[in-house]
Protein backbone atom coordinates (compact mmCIF):
# COMPACT_ATOMS: atom_id res chain seq x y z
CA UNK A 1 10.25 -5.85 -0.42
CA UNK A 2 11.32 -8.86 1.57
CA UNK A 3 9.13 -8.77 4.69
CA UNK A 4 11.01 -11.43 6.40
CA UNK A 5 14.35 -9.86 5.57
CA UNK A 6 12.98 -6.69 6.74
CA UNK A 7 11.92 -7.87 9.91
CA UNK A 8 15.23 -9.62 10.72
CA UNK A 9 17.02 -6.28 10.05
CA UNK A 10 14.70 -4.53 12.37
CA UNK A 11 15.37 -7.03 15.11
CA UNK A 12 19.32 -6.24 14.96
CA UNK A 13 20.32 -4.22 18.00
CA UNK A 14 22.27 -1.64 16.02
CA UNK A 15 19.10 -0.92 13.88
CA UNK A 16 16.88 1.70 15.33
CA UNK A 17 14.67 2.67 12.37
CA UNK A 18 14.12 0.98 8.96
CA UNK A 19 12.23 2.79 6.03
CA UNK A 20 11.18 0.41 3.05
CA UNK A 21 9.75 2.48 0.10
CA UNK A 22 6.37 0.89 -0.62
CA UNK A 23 7.12 0.41 -4.28
CA UNK A 24 10.29 -1.12 -5.77
CA UNK A 25 9.28 -0.60 -9.48
CA UNK A 26 10.42 1.74 -12.38
CA UNK A 27 7.24 4.01 -11.58
CA UNK A 28 9.33 5.19 -8.51
CA UNK A 29 12.71 5.87 -10.38
CA UNK A 30 11.68 9.40 -10.54
CA UNK A 31 11.10 9.76 -6.99
CA UNK A 32 14.58 8.24 -6.20
CA UNK A 33 16.15 10.77 -8.68
CA UNK A 34 14.30 13.69 -7.03
CA UNK A 35 15.52 12.68 -3.64
CA UNK A 36 19.17 12.18 -5.31
CA UNK A 37 19.06 15.67 -6.84
CA UNK A 38 17.82 17.34 -3.48
CA UNK A 39 20.79 15.73 -1.52
CA UNK A 40 23.35 16.67 -4.11
CA UNK A 41 22.25 20.28 -4.08
CA UNK A 42 21.74 20.50 -0.35
CA UNK A 43 24.45 18.11 1.12
CA UNK A 44 23.96 15.83 4.10
CA UNK A 45 21.93 18.39 6.00
CA UNK A 46 19.17 18.35 3.25
CA UNK A 47 18.96 14.56 3.50
CA UNK A 48 18.41 14.95 7.23
CA UNK A 49 15.47 17.41 6.59
CA UNK A 50 13.63 14.97 4.22
CA UNK A 51 10.48 14.00 6.05
CA UNK A 52 9.21 10.37 5.70
CA UNK A 53 6.38 9.86 3.07
CA UNK A 54 3.87 7.91 5.32
CA UNK A 55 1.16 5.94 3.96
CA UNK A 56 0.66 5.39 0.14
CA UNK A 57 -2.83 5.46 0.06
CA UNK A 58 -2.96 7.99 -2.82
CA UNK A 59 -6.13 6.91 -4.61
CA UNK A 60 -9.65 8.27 -4.15
CA UNK A 61 -11.82 7.11 -1.40
CA UNK A 62 -14.27 4.48 -2.56
CA UNK A 63 -17.84 5.41 -1.30
CA UNK A 64 -21.20 3.76 -1.16
CA UNK A 65 -22.57 5.61 -4.19
CA UNK A 66 -19.86 4.75 -6.64
CA UNK A 67 -19.59 0.94 -5.40
CA UNK A 68 -23.51 0.79 -5.85
CA UNK A 69 -23.14 2.27 -9.62
CA UNK A 70 -20.64 -0.20 -10.51
CA UNK A 71 -22.30 -3.26 -8.77
CA UNK A 72 -25.59 -2.46 -10.37
CA UNK A 73 -23.89 -2.54 -13.83
CA UNK A 74 -22.52 -6.09 -13.13
CA UNK A 75 -24.01 -9.54 -13.13
CA UNK A 76 -21.80 -10.83 -10.14
CA UNK A 77 -23.36 -11.88 -6.98
CA UNK A 78 -23.05 -9.14 -4.34
CA UNK A 79 -23.47 -9.63 -0.52
CA UNK A 80 -22.92 -7.27 2.53
CA UNK A 81 -21.85 -8.92 5.73
CA UNK A 82 -21.85 -7.59 9.37
CA UNK A 83 -18.47 -9.29 10.12
CA UNK A 84 -16.84 -8.88 6.61
CA UNK A 85 -13.61 -10.25 7.68
CA UNK A 86 -14.96 -13.47 9.17
CA UNK A 87 -17.08 -14.07 5.95
CA UNK A 88 -14.06 -13.42 3.81
CA UNK A 89 -11.94 -15.87 5.73
CA UNK A 90 -14.56 -18.75 5.22
CA UNK A 91 -14.93 -17.97 1.50
CA UNK A 92 -11.08 -17.89 0.89
CA UNK A 93 -10.73 -21.11 3.05
CA UNK A 94 -13.21 -22.86 0.62
CA UNK A 95 -10.84 -21.99 -2.31
CA UNK A 96 -13.24 -19.30 -3.77
CA UNK A 97 -12.39 -15.81 -4.75
CA UNK A 98 -13.36 -12.45 -3.06
CA UNK A 99 -13.36 -9.03 -4.57
CA UNK A 100 -13.42 -6.28 -1.90
CA UNK A 101 -12.39 -2.62 -1.66
CA UNK A 102 -12.37 -0.41 1.16
CA UNK A 103 -10.98 3.01 1.64
CA UNK A 104 -8.39 4.78 -0.40
CA UNK A 105 -6.66 3.09 -3.42
CA UNK A 106 -3.05 1.98 -2.61
CA UNK A 107 0.04 2.88 -4.48
CA UNK A 108 2.95 0.46 -5.46
CA UNK A 109 3.96 -2.85 -6.75
CA UNK A 110 1.92 -4.88 -4.20
CA UNK A 111 -1.23 -2.75 -4.41
CA UNK A 112 -4.24 -4.90 -5.55
């Protein structure tokens, strides 16, 4: 999960592809055990048939209605911006916290 080390590995001429699992905690031990059992049963050919997992956005999609329901029940200041990324950058640069969600929920050790 070291981004700089992974980048260096990918820049090596002998490395054509690098797959880094999106989570490195105990929650993924069962996945590793399942891969190992699959390969032990099926051999090297089985390992070559394992498809990459892809994006790990496994949670539900956050929609406007569910957000409004939560926001209506809290006492925090809520704002909508046309250019949300620029506004978030300004707020963070001022040393203030920001809470934001968009799209599906992430899985893994670095999910927020």
